[in-house]
Amino acid sequence: MNSPKALESIELISNEMKGKVVVGAGTVLDAESARLAILSGATFILSPTVDKDTIRMSKKYGAVSIPGALTPTEILEAYEYGGDIIKVFPTTSLGPEYIKDLQGPLPHIPLLPTGGVSIDNVTDFIEAGAVGVGLGSALVNTKVETNKAYFEELEQKAQAFYNKVH
């Protein structure tokens, strides 16, 4: 939601790619933004923080809620508020070991590490107990023009990540 014309982009992609991709919204900071994103076609809501109202709004409209948390207390709170999957953010300096450590007291909470995930450590995160990973700059380069070659490279990178964990 921090990108220019985010709602228009969500609506365009969800209409154009219906049945081909799952469209969500990220960096959702409040309940109203979640509602607008869902009404535009988002089926999941990612947040960098734990906001009870955003989680509730996402659930009210039938979207998957993925709030961001870091500490065990925040992770449990996000889950108890109704978060479906908890985005562990940022994991850049903590690495896969942190996910494994969280599995001890919180094995029932689905964790999605984000930040610091690369092709070299993605398998380590999955083996540590993550239900998936969030990929940013390891997958997408926002500093280059989007053209056919860019999308081909993006597809190759995504396939490499998929192959690594399957």
N, C-alpha and C. Protein backbone atom coordinates (compact mmCIF):
# COMPACT_ATOMS: atom_id res chain seq x y z
N MET A 1 0.81 -1.20 0.00
CA MET A 1 0.00 0.00 0.00
C MET A 1 0.85 1.26 0.00
N ASN A 2 2.16 1.10 0.05
CA ASN A 2 3.03 2.27 0.02
C ASN A 2 3.55 2.56 -1.38
N SER A 3 2.98 1.90 -2.38
CA SER A 3 3.36 2.15 -3.78
C SER A 3 2.36 3.11 -4.41
N PRO A 4 2.79 3.90 -5.37
CA PRO A 4 1.85 4.78 -6.07
C PRO A 4 0.75 3.96 -6.75
N LYS A 5 -0.46 4.41 -6.64
CA LYS A 5 -1.62 3.78 -7.29
C LYS A 5 -1.77 2.31 -6.90
N ALA A 6 -1.51 2.00 -5.65
CA ALA A 6 -1.57 0.60 -5.19
C ALA A 6 -2.94 -0.03 -5.42
N LEU A 7 -3.99 0.69 -5.07
CA LEU A 7 -5.34 0.11 -5.21
C LEU A 7 -5.68 -0.14 -6.68
N GLU A 8 -5.30 0.79 -7.53
CA GLU A 8 -5.55 0.61 -8.96
C GLU A 8 -4.78 -0.60 -9.49
N SER A 9 -3.55 -0.77 -9.03
CA SER A 9 -2.74 -1.90 -9.46
C SER A 9 -3.34 -3.22 -9.00
N ILE A 10 -3.80 -3.26 -7.74
CA ILE A 10 -4.43 -4.48 -7.22
C ILE A 10 -5.66 -4.83 -8.05
N GLU A 11 -6.47 -3.84 -8.34
CA GLU A 11 -7.68 -4.08 -9.13
C GLU A 11 -7.35 -4.56 -10.54
N LEU A 12 -6.40 -3.91 -11.18
CA LEU A 12 -6.01 -4.28 -12.54
C LEU A 12 -5.48 -5.71 -12.58
N ILE A 13 -4.54 -6.03 -11.69
CA ILE A 13 -3.94 -7.37 -11.70
C ILE A 13 -4.97 -8.43 -11.34
N SER A 14 -5.82 -8.16 -10.35
CA SER A 14 -6.79 -9.17 -9.96
C SER A 14 -7.81 -9.42 -11.06
N ASN A 15 -8.13 -8.41 -11.85
CA ASN A 15 -9.06 -8.60 -12.98
C ASN A 15 -8.38 -9.26 -14.17
N GLU A 16 -7.19 -8.79 -14.51
CA GLU A 16 -6.47 -9.29 -15.69
C GLU A 16 -5.97 -10.73 -15.49
N MET A 17 -5.57 -11.06 -14.27
CA MET A 17 -4.94 -12.36 -14.01
C MET A 17 -5.85 -13.30 -13.21
N LYS A 18 -7.14 -13.04 -13.21
CA LYS A 18 -8.09 -13.82 -12.43
C LYS A 18 -7.89 -15.32 -12.69
N GLY A 19 -7.72 -16.07 -11.62
CA GLY A 19 -7.53 -17.50 -11.72
C GLY A 19 -6.10 -17.94 -12.00
N LYS A 20 -5.22 -16.99 -12.28
CA LYS A 20 -3.83 -17.31 -12.60
C LYS A 20 -2.87 -16.96 -11.47
N VAL A 21 -3.19 -15.93 -10.71
CA VAL A 21 -2.35 -15.51 -9.60
C VAL A 21 -3.22 -15.18 -8.40
N VAL A 22 -2.61 -15.21 -7.24
CA VAL A 22 -3.26 -14.80 -6.01
C VAL A 22 -2.75 -13.39 -5.71
N VAL A 23 -3.66 -12.45 -5.59
CA VAL A 23 -3.28 -11.05 -5.41
C VAL A 23 -3.51 -10.64 -3.96
N GLY A 24 -2.52 -9.97 -3.41
CA GLY A 24 -2.65 -9.45 -2.05
C GLY A 24 -2.15 -8.04 -1.98
N ALA A 25 -2.18 -7.50 -0.77
CA ALA A 25 -1.67 -6.16 -0.53
C ALA A 25 -0.67 -6.23 0.61
N GLY A 26 0.42 -5.50 0.46
CA GLY A 26 1.45 -5.46 1.49
C GLY A 26 1.61 -4.07 2.07
N THR A 27 2.33 -4.00 3.16
CA THR A 27 2.54 -2.76 3.91
C THR A 27 1.20 -2.11 4.25
N VAL A 28 0.27 -2.94 4.70
CA VAL A 28 -1.06 -2.45 5.11
C VAL A 28 -0.96 -2.08 6.59
N LEU A 29 -1.16 -0.80 6.89
CA LEU A 29 -0.93 -0.29 8.23
C LEU A 29 -2.20 -0.06 9.05
N ASP A 30 -3.37 -0.11 8.40
CA ASP A 30 -4.60 0.17 9.15
C ASP A 30 -5.78 -0.57 8.52
N ALA A 31 -6.86 -0.63 9.28
CA ALA A 31 -8.04 -1.39 8.87
C ALA A 31 -8.67 -0.84 7.60
N GLU A 32 -8.75 0.46 7.47
CA GLU A 32 -9.38 1.05 6.29
C GLU A 32 -8.58 0.71 5.02
N SER A 33 -7.28 0.75 5.11
CA SER A 33 -6.46 0.36 3.94
C SER A 33 -6.68 -1.11 3.60
N ALA A 34 -6.82 -1.95 4.61
CA ALA A 34 -7.09 -3.37 4.37
C ALA A 34 -8.42 -3.52 3.64
N ARG A 35 -9.44 -2.82 4.12
CA ARG A 35 -10.77 -2.91 3.50
C ARG A 35 -10.72 -2.46 2.04
N LEU A 36 -10.08 -1.33 1.78
CA LEU A 36 -9.99 -0.83 0.41
C LEU A 36 -9.23 -1.80 -0.49
N ALA A 37 -8.16 -2.40 0.04
CA ALA A 37 -7.38 -3.37 -0.75
C ALA A 37 -8.22 -4.60 -1.08
N ILE A 38 -8.97 -5.08 -0.11
CA ILE A 38 -9.82 -6.26 -0.33
C ILE A 38 -10.91 -5.94 -1.34
N LEU A 39 -11.53 -4.77 -1.22
CA LEU A 39 -12.56 -4.38 -2.18
C LEU A 39 -11.99 -4.19 -3.58
N SER A 40 -10.69 -3.93 -3.67
CA SER A 40 -10.02 -3.80 -4.97
C SER A 40 -9.59 -5.14 -5.54
N GLY A 41 -9.69 -6.22 -4.74
CA GLY A 41 -9.36 -7.55 -5.25
C GLY A 41 -8.31 -8.31 -4.48
N ALA A 42 -7.73 -7.73 -3.44
CA ALA A 42 -6.73 -8.45 -2.64
C ALA A 42 -7.39 -9.57 -1.85
N THR A 43 -6.74 -10.73 -1.84
CA THR A 43 -7.28 -11.87 -1.08
C THR A 43 -6.43 -12.17 0.15
N PHE A 44 -5.31 -11.47 0.29
CA PHE A 44 -4.53 -11.56 1.52
C PHE A 44 -3.95 -10.19 1.85
N ILE A 45 -3.77 -9.97 3.15
CA ILE A 45 -3.28 -8.69 3.64
C ILE A 45 -2.02 -8.92 4.47
N LEU A 46 -0.91 -8.33 4.04
CA LEU A 46 0.36 -8.39 4.77
C LEU A 46 0.61 -7.06 5.46
N SER A 47 0.98 -7.14 6.71
CA SER A 47 1.29 -5.93 7.48
C SER A 47 2.67 -6.07 8.10
N PRO A 48 3.38 -4.97 8.28
CA PRO A 48 4.68 -5.05 8.94
C PRO A 48 4.57 -5.08 10.46
N THR A 49 3.36 -4.86 10.98
CA THR A 49 3.15 -4.76 12.42
C THR A 49 1.90 -5.53 12.84
N VAL A 50 1.67 -5.59 14.14
CA VAL A 50 0.46 -6.22 14.69
C VAL A 50 -0.55 -5.11 14.96
N ASP A 51 -1.63 -5.10 14.20
CA ASP A 51 -2.71 -4.15 14.42
C ASP A 51 -4.02 -4.94 14.47
N LYS A 52 -4.60 -4.99 15.65
CA LYS A 52 -5.80 -5.80 15.87
C LYS A 52 -6.92 -5.45 14.89
N ASP A 53 -7.13 -4.17 14.65
CA ASP A 53 -8.22 -3.75 13.77
C ASP A 53 -7.98 -4.18 12.32
N THR A 54 -6.73 -4.13 11.88
CA THR A 54 -6.40 -4.57 10.52
C THR A 54 -6.64 -6.07 10.38
N ILE A 55 -6.24 -6.83 11.38
CA ILE A 55 -6.47 -8.28 11.35
C ILE A 55 -7.98 -8.56 11.32
N ARG A 56 -8.73 -7.92 12.16
CA ARG A 56 -10.19 -8.14 12.22
C ARG A 56 -10.87 -7.74 10.92
N MET A 57 -10.46 -6.63 10.33
CA MET A 57 -11.05 -6.20 9.07
C MET A 57 -10.76 -7.21 7.96
N SER A 58 -9.54 -7.71 7.93
CA SER A 58 -9.17 -8.71 6.92
C SER A 58 -10.05 -9.95 7.06
N LYS A 59 -10.22 -10.41 8.27
CA LYS A 59 -11.03 -11.60 8.53
C LYS A 59 -12.51 -11.33 8.22
N LYS A 60 -12.99 -10.15 8.55
CA LYS A 60 -14.39 -9.77 8.30
C LYS A 60 -14.73 -9.89 6.83
N TYR A 61 -13.78 -9.53 5.98
CA TYR A 61 -14.01 -9.57 4.54
C TYR A 61 -13.48 -10.85 3.88
N GLY A 62 -13.08 -11.81 4.68
CA GLY A 62 -12.70 -13.11 4.15
C GLY A 62 -11.30 -13.21 3.58
N ALA A 63 -10.46 -12.25 3.89
CA ALA A 63 -9.08 -12.29 3.39
C ALA A 63 -8.17 -12.98 4.40
N VAL A 64 -7.09 -13.52 3.92
CA VAL A 64 -6.07 -14.11 4.78
C VAL A 64 -5.29 -12.95 5.40
N SER A 65 -5.11 -13.01 6.71
CA SER A 65 -4.40 -11.97 7.44
C SER A 65 -2.99 -12.44 7.80
N ILE A 66 -1.99 -11.66 7.39
CA ILE A 66 -0.59 -11.99 7.67
C ILE A 66 0.07 -10.78 8.32
N PRO A 67 -0.14 -10.62 9.64
CA PRO A 67 0.49 -9.50 10.33
C PRO A 67 1.97 -9.78 10.59
N GLY A 68 2.74 -8.71 10.72
CA GLY A 68 4.17 -8.84 10.99
C GLY A 68 4.48 -8.69 12.46
N ALA A 69 5.37 -9.54 12.94
CA ALA A 69 5.78 -9.52 14.34
C ALA A 69 7.21 -10.04 14.42
N LEU A 70 7.87 -9.77 15.54
CA LEU A 70 9.24 -10.25 15.70
C LEU A 70 9.43 -11.05 16.98
N THR A 71 8.95 -10.55 18.08
CA THR A 71 9.18 -11.23 19.35
C THR A 71 8.14 -12.32 19.58
N PRO A 72 8.44 -13.29 20.43
CA PRO A 72 7.44 -14.32 20.74
C PRO A 72 6.13 -13.71 21.25
N THR A 73 6.20 -12.66 22.04
CA THR A 73 4.98 -12.03 22.56
C THR A 73 4.16 -11.43 21.43
N GLU A 74 4.82 -10.72 20.52
CA GLU A 74 4.11 -10.13 19.37
C GLU A 74 3.53 -11.22 18.47
N ILE A 75 4.29 -12.28 18.26
CA ILE A 75 3.83 -13.37 17.39
C ILE A 75 2.59 -14.03 17.98
N LEU A 76 2.61 -14.33 19.26
CA LEU A 76 1.45 -14.93 19.91
C LEU A 76 0.25 -13.98 19.89
N GLU A 77 0.48 -12.73 20.15
CA GLU A 77 -0.59 -11.73 20.13
C GLU A 77 -1.23 -11.66 18.74
N ALA A 78 -0.42 -11.60 17.71
CA ALA A 78 -0.93 -11.54 16.34
C ALA A 78 -1.78 -12.76 16.02
N TYR A 79 -1.33 -13.91 16.45
CA TYR A 79 -2.06 -15.15 16.21
C TYR A 79 -3.37 -15.16 16.99
N GLU A 80 -3.33 -14.74 18.25
CA GLU A 80 -4.54 -14.70 19.07
C GLU A 80 -5.56 -13.70 18.55
N TYR A 81 -5.12 -12.63 17.89
CA TYR A 81 -6.03 -11.66 17.29
C TYR A 81 -6.69 -12.21 16.02
N GLY A 82 -6.16 -13.33 15.50
CA GLY A 82 -6.76 -13.92 14.30
C GLY A 82 -5.85 -14.00 13.10
N GLY A 83 -4.58 -13.62 13.25
CA GLY A 83 -3.66 -13.73 12.13
C GLY A 83 -3.57 -15.19 11.67
N ASP A 84 -3.67 -15.41 10.38
CA ASP A 84 -3.62 -16.77 9.83
C ASP A 84 -2.20 -17.30 9.77
N ILE A 85 -1.32 -16.46 9.31
CA ILE A 85 0.12 -16.74 9.21
C ILE A 85 0.80 -15.51 9.78
N ILE A 86 1.85 -15.71 10.54
CA ILE A 86 2.54 -14.55 11.11
C ILE A 86 3.85 -14.31 10.36
N LYS A 87 3.94 -13.12 9.81
CA LYS A 87 5.14 -12.70 9.09
C LYS A 87 6.19 -12.32 10.14
N VAL A 88 7.26 -13.09 10.21
CA VAL A 88 8.34 -12.79 11.15
C VAL A 88 9.27 -11.82 10.42
N PHE A 89 9.28 -10.59 10.93
CA PHE A 89 9.95 -9.51 10.22
C PHE A 89 10.65 -8.58 11.19
N PRO A 90 11.88 -8.21 10.89
CA PRO A 90 12.74 -8.74 9.83
C PRO A 90 13.61 -9.88 10.35
N THR A 91 13.91 -10.81 9.49
CA THR A 91 14.77 -11.94 9.90
C THR A 91 16.18 -11.81 9.32
N THR A 92 16.48 -10.66 8.78
CA THR A 92 17.77 -10.44 8.13
C THR A 92 18.94 -10.84 9.01
N SER A 93 19.00 -10.34 10.23
CA SER A 93 20.14 -10.63 11.10
C SER A 93 19.92 -11.84 11.99
N LEU A 94 18.68 -12.32 12.08
CA LEU A 94 18.38 -13.45 12.97
C LEU A 94 18.51 -14.81 12.28
N GLY A 95 18.19 -14.86 11.01
CA GLY A 95 18.37 -16.08 10.22
C GLY A 95 17.42 -17.21 10.56
N PRO A 96 17.61 -18.35 9.90
CA PRO A 96 16.75 -19.52 10.09
C PRO A 96 16.73 -20.05 11.52
N GLU A 97 17.82 -19.86 12.25
CA GLU A 97 17.89 -20.36 13.62
C GLU A 97 16.79 -19.75 14.49
N TYR A 98 16.44 -18.50 14.21
CA TYR A 98 15.41 -17.83 14.99
C TYR A 98 14.05 -18.52 14.78
N ILE A 99 13.76 -18.91 13.56
CA ILE A 99 12.51 -19.62 13.27
C ILE A 99 12.50 -20.94 14.03
N LYS A 100 13.62 -21.63 14.00
CA LYS A 100 13.71 -22.90 14.73
C LYS A 100 13.51 -22.69 16.22
N ASP A 101 14.10 -21.64 16.77
CA ASP A 101 13.94 -21.34 18.19
C ASP A 101 12.48 -21.04 18.54
N LEU A 102 11.78 -20.34 17.67
CA LEU A 102 10.37 -20.02 17.91
C LEU A 102 9.49 -21.26 17.88
N GLN A 103 9.90 -22.27 17.12
CA GLN A 103 9.11 -23.49 17.00
C GLN A 103 8.99 -24.22 18.35
N GLY A 104 9.97 -24.04 19.23
CA GLY A 104 9.91 -24.69 20.54
C GLY A 104 8.66 -24.33 21.31
N PRO A 105 8.47 -23.04 21.66
CA PRO A 105 7.29 -22.67 22.43
C PRO A 105 6.05 -22.40 21.59
N LEU A 106 6.21 -22.18 20.28
CA LEU A 106 5.08 -21.78 19.44
C LEU A 106 4.94 -22.68 18.20
N PRO A 107 4.94 -23.99 18.36
CA PRO A 107 4.93 -24.87 17.19
C PRO A 107 3.62 -24.83 16.40
N HIS A 108 2.57 -24.34 17.00
CA HIS A 108 1.25 -24.33 16.36
C HIS A 108 1.01 -23.07 15.52
N ILE A 109 1.94 -22.13 15.55
CA ILE A 109 1.74 -20.87 14.82
C ILE A 109 2.51 -20.91 13.50
N PRO A 110 1.81 -20.76 12.37
CA PRO A 110 2.48 -20.74 11.07
C PRO A 110 3.32 -19.46 10.91
N LEU A 111 4.60 -19.64 10.63
CA LEU A 111 5.53 -18.51 10.53
C LEU A 111 6.03 -18.33 9.11
N LEU A 112 6.09 -17.06 8.69
CA LEU A 112 6.54 -16.70 7.35
C LEU A 112 7.69 -15.69 7.48
N PRO A 113 8.95 -16.16 7.50
CA PRO A 113 10.06 -15.23 7.62
C PRO A 113 10.19 -14.34 6.40
N THR A 114 10.50 -13.08 6.65
CA THR A 114 10.65 -12.09 5.60
C THR A 114 11.84 -11.20 5.95
N GLY A 115 12.61 -10.89 4.94
CA GLY A 115 13.81 -10.08 5.14
C GLY A 115 14.99 -11.00 5.34
N GLY A 116 15.95 -10.91 4.46
CA GLY A 116 17.14 -11.74 4.57
C GLY A 116 17.02 -13.12 3.97
N VAL A 117 15.91 -13.42 3.32
CA VAL A 117 15.75 -14.71 2.67
C VAL A 117 16.38 -14.63 1.28
N SER A 118 17.23 -15.61 0.98
CA SER A 118 17.91 -15.65 -0.31
C SER A 118 17.85 -17.07 -0.88
N ILE A 119 18.31 -17.21 -2.09
CA ILE A 119 18.36 -18.54 -2.72
C ILE A 119 19.29 -19.46 -1.92
N ASP A 120 20.27 -18.88 -1.24
CA ASP A 120 21.24 -19.67 -0.48
C ASP A 120 20.70 -20.19 0.85
N ASN A 121 19.70 -19.49 1.43
CA ASN A 121 19.21 -19.92 2.75
C ASN A 121 17.73 -20.29 2.78
N VAL A 122 17.05 -20.23 1.66
CA VAL A 122 15.61 -20.50 1.65
C VAL A 122 15.30 -21.90 2.19
N THR A 123 16.08 -22.87 1.82
CA THR A 123 15.87 -24.24 2.31
C THR A 123 16.05 -24.31 3.82
N ASP A 124 17.03 -23.58 4.34
CA ASP A 124 17.27 -23.55 5.79
C ASP A 124 16.04 -23.01 6.54
N PHE A 125 15.41 -21.98 6.00
CA PHE A 125 14.21 -21.43 6.63
C PHE A 125 13.07 -22.46 6.63
N ILE A 126 12.89 -23.15 5.52
CA ILE A 126 11.81 -24.15 5.44
C ILE A 126 12.11 -25.31 6.40
N GLU A 127 13.34 -25.77 6.40
CA GLU A 127 13.71 -26.87 7.30
C GLU A 127 13.61 -26.46 8.78
N ALA A 128 13.72 -25.16 9.06
CA ALA A 128 13.60 -24.67 10.44
C ALA A 128 12.15 -24.61 10.90
N GLY A 129 11.20 -24.80 9.96
CA GLY A 129 9.79 -24.83 10.34
C GLY A 129 8.92 -23.77 9.72
N ALA A 130 9.47 -22.91 8.87
CA ALA A 130 8.66 -21.88 8.22
C ALA A 130 7.66 -22.53 7.25
N VAL A 131 6.45 -21.96 7.17
CA VAL A 131 5.44 -22.46 6.24
C VAL A 131 5.67 -21.94 4.83
N GLY A 132 6.52 -20.97 4.71
CA GLY A 132 6.86 -20.34 3.44
C GLY A 132 7.85 -19.24 3.74
N VAL A 133 8.14 -18.41 2.76
CA VAL A 133 9.04 -17.28 2.96
C VAL A 133 8.49 -16.08 2.20
N GLY A 134 8.84 -14.91 2.68
CA GLY A 134 8.54 -13.69 1.95
C GLY A 134 9.79 -13.24 1.23
N LEU A 135 9.66 -13.00 -0.06
CA LEU A 135 10.81 -12.58 -0.87
C LEU A 135 10.63 -11.15 -1.34
N GLY A 136 11.65 -10.36 -1.18
CA GLY A 136 11.63 -8.99 -1.67
C GLY A 136 12.70 -8.82 -2.72
N SER A 137 13.77 -8.15 -2.34
CA SER A 137 14.83 -7.82 -3.29
C SER A 137 15.55 -9.05 -3.85
N ALA A 138 15.44 -10.19 -3.18
CA ALA A 138 16.04 -11.41 -3.71
C ALA A 138 15.29 -11.88 -4.97
N LEU A 139 14.08 -11.38 -5.14
CA LEU A 139 13.27 -11.79 -6.28
C LEU A 139 13.00 -10.63 -7.24
N VAL A 140 12.64 -9.48 -6.70
CA VAL A 140 12.19 -8.35 -7.51
C VAL A 140 13.19 -7.21 -7.42
N ASN A 141 13.52 -6.64 -8.57
CA ASN A 141 14.40 -5.47 -8.63
C ASN A 141 13.56 -4.28 -9.06
N THR A 142 13.24 -3.41 -8.13
CA THR A 142 12.38 -2.26 -8.42
C THR A 142 13.12 -1.11 -9.10
N LYS A 143 14.41 -1.27 -9.31
CA LYS A 143 15.21 -0.19 -9.89
C LYS A 143 15.40 -0.33 -11.40
N VAL A 144 14.86 -1.39 -11.99
CA VAL A 144 15.01 -1.57 -13.43
C VAL A 144 13.64 -1.50 -14.10
N GLU A 145 13.69 -1.22 -15.40
CA GLU A 145 12.47 -1.12 -16.18
C GLU A 145 11.82 -2.49 -16.31
N THR A 146 10.50 -2.52 -16.19
CA THR A 146 9.78 -3.78 -16.37
C THR A 146 9.45 -3.94 -17.86
N ASN A 147 10.07 -4.96 -18.44
CA ASN A 147 9.85 -5.28 -19.83
C ASN A 147 9.86 -6.80 -19.96
N LYS A 148 9.80 -7.29 -21.16
CA LYS A 148 9.72 -8.73 -21.37
C LYS A 148 10.92 -9.46 -20.77
N ALA A 149 12.12 -8.93 -20.96
CA ALA A 149 13.33 -9.56 -20.42
C ALA A 149 13.28 -9.59 -18.89
N TYR A 150 12.81 -8.50 -18.29
CA TYR A 150 12.70 -8.44 -16.82
C TYR A 150 11.76 -9.54 -16.32
N PHE A 151 10.61 -9.67 -16.96
CA PHE A 151 9.63 -10.67 -16.51
C PHE A 151 10.13 -12.10 -16.74
N GLU A 152 10.90 -12.30 -17.80
CA GLU A 152 11.50 -13.63 -18.02
C GLU A 152 12.50 -13.95 -16.91
N GLU A 153 13.32 -12.96 -16.53
CA GLU A 153 14.29 -13.16 -15.46
C GLU A 153 13.56 -13.39 -14.13
N LEU A 154 12.50 -12.64 -13.89
CA LEU A 154 11.71 -12.80 -12.68
C LEU A 154 11.13 -14.22 -12.61
N GLU A 155 10.63 -14.70 -13.71
CA GLU A 155 10.09 -16.06 -13.76
C GLU A 155 11.18 -17.10 -13.47
N GLN A 156 12.36 -16.90 -14.01
CA GLN A 156 13.47 -17.82 -13.77
C GLN A 156 13.90 -17.82 -12.31
N LYS A 157 13.96 -16.62 -11.69
CA LYS A 157 14.30 -16.53 -10.27
C LYS A 157 13.25 -17.24 -9.42
N ALA A 158 11.99 -16.98 -9.71
CA ALA A 158 10.90 -17.61 -8.94
C ALA A 158 10.96 -19.13 -9.08
N GLN A 159 11.23 -19.61 -10.27
CA GLN A 159 11.34 -21.05 -10.50
C GLN A 159 12.52 -21.64 -9.73
N ALA A 160 13.62 -20.90 -9.67
CA ALA A 160 14.79 -21.37 -8.92
C ALA A 160 14.46 -21.50 -7.43
N PHE A 161 13.75 -20.54 -6.87
CA PHE A 161 13.33 -20.63 -5.47
C PHE A 161 12.41 -21.82 -5.26
N TYR A 162 11.46 -21.99 -6.17
CA TYR A 162 10.52 -23.10 -6.07
C TYR A 162 11.27 -24.44 -6.11
N ASN A 163 12.18 -24.57 -7.08
CA ASN A 163 12.94 -25.81 -7.23
C ASN A 163 13.79 -26.11 -5.98
N LYS A 164 14.27 -25.07 -5.36
CA LYS A 164 15.14 -25.23 -4.19
C LYS A 164 14.39 -25.86 -3.02
N VAL A 165 13.12 -25.54 -2.86
CA VAL A 165 12.34 -26.03 -1.71
C VAL A 165 11.44 -27.22 -2.05
N HIS A 166 11.38 -27.62 -3.29
CA HIS A 166 10.54 -28.77 -3.68
C HIS A 166 11.35 -29.91 -4.25
